[in-house]
C-alpha cells in the first residue's frame, strides 16, 4: 500500500492527521536535518497503522516535504 504524506518539520508538537484517501499530513518537532524528520515520520506512520517501523519505507521524496511511503 502506498500513501502520500506532506511533512511539516520544526513544529511545536508531533501530529499525524488524515487529509483524504491515502493522503496524510505529518507535523514533526524535529528539524529537517540529517534525516531526523524522515525517521520521525516513519515512526508516526508505523504507530498510526500499528505495524513495525522496519516495514515502512520512503519510496519517493527523501529530500522533499511531499513523500510517498510504502
N, C-alpha and C. Protein backbone atom coordinates (compact mmCIF):
# COMPACT_ATOMS: atom_id res chain seq x y z
N UNK A 1 0.84 -1.17 0.00
CA UNK A 1 0.00 0.00 0.00
C UNK A 1 0.89 1.24 0.00
N UNK A 2 0.56 2.21 -0.81
CA UNK A 2 1.30 3.46 -0.89
C UNK A 2 0.45 4.58 -0.30
N UNK A 3 1.10 5.45 0.46
CA UNK A 3 0.41 6.62 1.00
C UNK A 3 1.24 7.86 0.70
N UNK A 4 0.56 8.99 0.56
CA UNK A 4 1.23 10.27 0.35
C UNK A 4 1.21 11.04 1.67
N UNK A 5 2.36 11.57 2.04
CA UNK A 5 2.49 12.30 3.30
C UNK A 5 3.14 13.65 3.02
N UNK A 6 2.52 14.70 3.49
CA UNK A 6 3.09 16.04 3.44
C UNK A 6 3.68 16.33 4.81
N UNK A 7 4.97 16.64 4.85
CA UNK A 7 5.69 16.79 6.12
C UNK A 7 5.93 18.26 6.43
N UNK A 8 5.68 18.63 7.67
CA UNK A 8 5.96 19.97 8.18
C UNK A 8 6.93 19.83 9.35
N UNK A 9 8.24 20.06 9.13
CA UNK A 9 9.21 19.95 10.23
C UNK A 9 9.21 21.19 11.11
N UNK A 10 9.90 21.10 12.25
CA UNK A 10 10.06 22.20 13.21
C UNK A 10 8.74 22.74 13.75
N UNK A 11 7.82 21.87 14.06
CA UNK A 11 6.53 22.28 14.62
C UNK A 11 6.58 22.20 16.14
N UNK A 12 5.58 22.73 16.81
CA UNK A 12 5.56 22.73 18.27
C UNK A 12 5.28 21.35 18.85
N UNK A 13 4.50 20.52 18.13
CA UNK A 13 4.22 19.17 18.62
C UNK A 13 4.05 18.21 17.44
N UNK A 14 4.23 16.93 17.71
CA UNK A 14 4.06 15.91 16.68
C UNK A 14 2.58 15.64 16.46
N UNK A 15 2.19 15.51 15.20
CA UNK A 15 0.80 15.18 14.87
C UNK A 15 0.78 14.45 13.53
N UNK A 16 -0.15 13.52 13.40
CA UNK A 16 -0.32 12.77 12.16
C UNK A 16 -1.81 12.76 11.87
N UNK A 17 -2.22 13.46 10.80
CA UNK A 17 -3.64 13.62 10.51
C UNK A 17 -3.98 13.09 9.12
N UNK A 18 -5.23 12.65 8.98
CA UNK A 18 -5.74 12.15 7.70
C UNK A 18 -6.30 13.34 6.92
N UNK A 19 -5.87 13.49 5.67
CA UNK A 19 -6.35 14.58 4.81
C UNK A 19 -7.36 14.04 3.81
N UNK A 20 -7.13 12.86 3.29
CA UNK A 20 -8.01 12.24 2.30
C UNK A 20 -7.67 10.77 2.21
N UNK A 21 -8.18 10.13 1.17
CA UNK A 21 -7.90 8.72 0.99
C UNK A 21 -6.43 8.55 0.62
N UNK A 22 -5.70 7.84 1.47
CA UNK A 22 -4.26 7.61 1.31
C UNK A 22 -3.44 8.89 1.29
N UNK A 23 -3.95 9.96 1.89
CA UNK A 23 -3.22 11.23 1.98
C UNK A 23 -3.21 11.68 3.44
N UNK A 24 -2.02 12.04 3.92
CA UNK A 24 -1.85 12.39 5.32
C UNK A 24 -0.95 13.62 5.45
N UNK A 25 -1.01 14.25 6.62
CA UNK A 25 -0.10 15.33 6.98
C UNK A 25 0.62 14.91 8.25
N UNK A 26 1.93 15.12 8.27
CA UNK A 26 2.73 14.81 9.46
C UNK A 26 3.43 16.09 9.90
N UNK A 27 3.18 16.46 11.13
CA UNK A 27 3.86 17.60 11.73
C UNK A 27 4.81 17.03 12.78
N UNK A 28 6.09 17.33 12.60
CA UNK A 28 7.10 16.77 13.50
C UNK A 28 7.89 17.89 14.18
N UNK A 29 8.33 17.62 15.40
CA UNK A 29 9.06 18.62 16.17
C UNK A 29 10.52 18.73 15.74
N UNK A 30 11.06 17.70 15.15
CA UNK A 30 12.48 17.70 14.79
C UNK A 30 12.72 18.47 13.50
N UNK A 31 13.91 19.02 13.32
CA UNK A 31 14.22 19.75 12.08
C UNK A 31 14.49 18.79 10.93
N UNK A 32 14.48 19.33 9.74
CA UNK A 32 14.73 18.53 8.53
C UNK A 32 16.23 18.47 8.26
N UNK A 33 16.98 18.06 9.24
CA UNK A 33 18.43 17.92 9.13
C UNK A 33 18.84 16.49 9.43
N UNK A 34 19.85 16.00 8.73
CA UNK A 34 20.44 14.68 8.97
C UNK A 34 19.40 13.57 9.02
N UNK A 35 18.34 13.68 8.22
CA UNK A 35 17.32 12.63 8.09
C UNK A 35 16.47 12.48 9.36
N UNK A 36 16.53 13.42 10.29
CA UNK A 36 15.78 13.30 11.53
C UNK A 36 14.27 13.35 11.31
N UNK A 37 13.82 14.28 10.47
CA UNK A 37 12.38 14.40 10.21
C UNK A 37 11.85 13.16 9.50
N UNK A 38 12.61 12.61 8.55
CA UNK A 38 12.17 11.40 7.84
C UNK A 38 12.02 10.23 8.81
N UNK A 39 12.96 10.07 9.72
CA UNK A 39 12.87 8.97 10.68
C UNK A 39 11.65 9.13 11.59
N UNK A 40 11.38 10.36 12.01
CA UNK A 40 10.22 10.59 12.87
C UNK A 40 8.91 10.36 12.12
N UNK A 41 8.86 10.74 10.85
CA UNK A 41 7.66 10.49 10.04
C UNK A 41 7.40 8.99 9.92
N UNK A 42 8.44 8.22 9.68
CA UNK A 42 8.29 6.76 9.59
C UNK A 42 7.76 6.20 10.91
N UNK A 43 8.24 6.72 12.04
CA UNK A 43 7.75 6.27 13.34
C UNK A 43 6.27 6.61 13.53
N UNK A 44 5.86 7.81 13.11
CA UNK A 44 4.46 8.20 13.23
C UNK A 44 3.55 7.35 12.36
N UNK A 45 3.99 7.07 11.13
CA UNK A 45 3.19 6.24 10.22
C UNK A 45 3.06 4.82 10.78
N UNK A 46 4.15 4.27 11.29
CA UNK A 46 4.11 2.93 11.87
C UNK A 46 3.17 2.89 13.08
N UNK A 47 3.19 3.92 13.88
CA UNK A 47 2.29 3.98 15.03
C UNK A 47 0.84 4.10 14.62
N UNK A 48 0.57 4.86 13.58
CA UNK A 48 -0.81 5.05 13.11
C UNK A 48 -1.39 3.75 12.55
N UNK A 49 -0.61 3.02 11.77
CA UNK A 49 -1.09 1.79 11.14
C UNK A 49 -0.80 0.54 11.98
N UNK A 50 -0.18 0.70 13.14
CA UNK A 50 0.15 -0.38 14.07
C UNK A 50 0.94 -1.49 13.36
N UNK A 51 2.05 -1.10 12.77
CA UNK A 51 2.97 -2.02 12.11
C UNK A 51 4.38 -1.71 12.61
N UNK A 52 5.32 -2.64 12.45
CA UNK A 52 6.70 -2.36 12.86
C UNK A 52 7.33 -1.25 12.02
N UNK A 53 8.22 -0.51 12.62
CA UNK A 53 8.90 0.59 11.93
C UNK A 53 9.69 0.08 10.73
N UNK A 54 10.26 -1.10 10.84
CA UNK A 54 11.06 -1.65 9.75
C UNK A 54 10.23 -1.99 8.52
N UNK A 55 8.91 -2.08 8.64
CA UNK A 55 8.08 -2.41 7.49
C UNK A 55 7.69 -1.18 6.67
N UNK A 56 8.01 0.02 7.17
CA UNK A 56 7.70 1.26 6.46
C UNK A 56 8.97 1.76 5.77
N UNK A 57 8.82 2.18 4.51
CA UNK A 57 9.97 2.77 3.81
C UNK A 57 9.51 3.94 2.96
N UNK A 58 10.41 4.89 2.77
CA UNK A 58 10.13 6.05 1.92
C UNK A 58 10.49 5.67 0.50
N UNK A 59 9.49 5.68 -0.38
CA UNK A 59 9.69 5.32 -1.78
C UNK A 59 10.18 6.51 -2.58
N UNK A 60 9.60 7.67 -2.30
CA UNK A 60 9.92 8.87 -3.07
C UNK A 60 9.85 10.08 -2.15
N UNK A 61 10.69 11.09 -2.41
CA UNK A 61 10.63 12.34 -1.68
C UNK A 61 11.53 12.40 -0.46
N UNK A 62 12.69 11.78 -0.53
CA UNK A 62 13.60 11.78 0.61
C UNK A 62 14.01 13.18 1.02
N UNK A 63 14.16 14.09 0.07
CA UNK A 63 14.57 15.46 0.39
C UNK A 63 13.47 16.47 0.10
N UNK A 64 12.24 16.00 -0.02
CA UNK A 64 11.11 16.85 -0.33
C UNK A 64 10.08 16.77 0.80
N UNK A 65 9.29 17.83 1.01
CA UNK A 65 8.25 17.74 2.03
C UNK A 65 7.10 16.82 1.64
N UNK A 66 6.93 16.53 0.35
CA UNK A 66 5.91 15.60 -0.12
C UNK A 66 6.56 14.24 -0.34
N UNK A 67 6.07 13.24 0.39
CA UNK A 67 6.70 11.93 0.34
C UNK A 67 5.67 10.86 -0.03
N UNK A 68 6.16 9.78 -0.60
CA UNK A 68 5.34 8.59 -0.83
C UNK A 68 5.97 7.48 -0.02
N UNK A 69 5.18 6.85 0.83
CA UNK A 69 5.66 5.78 1.70
C UNK A 69 4.95 4.48 1.35
N UNK A 70 5.65 3.39 1.60
CA UNK A 70 5.09 2.08 1.36
C UNK A 70 5.08 1.33 2.68
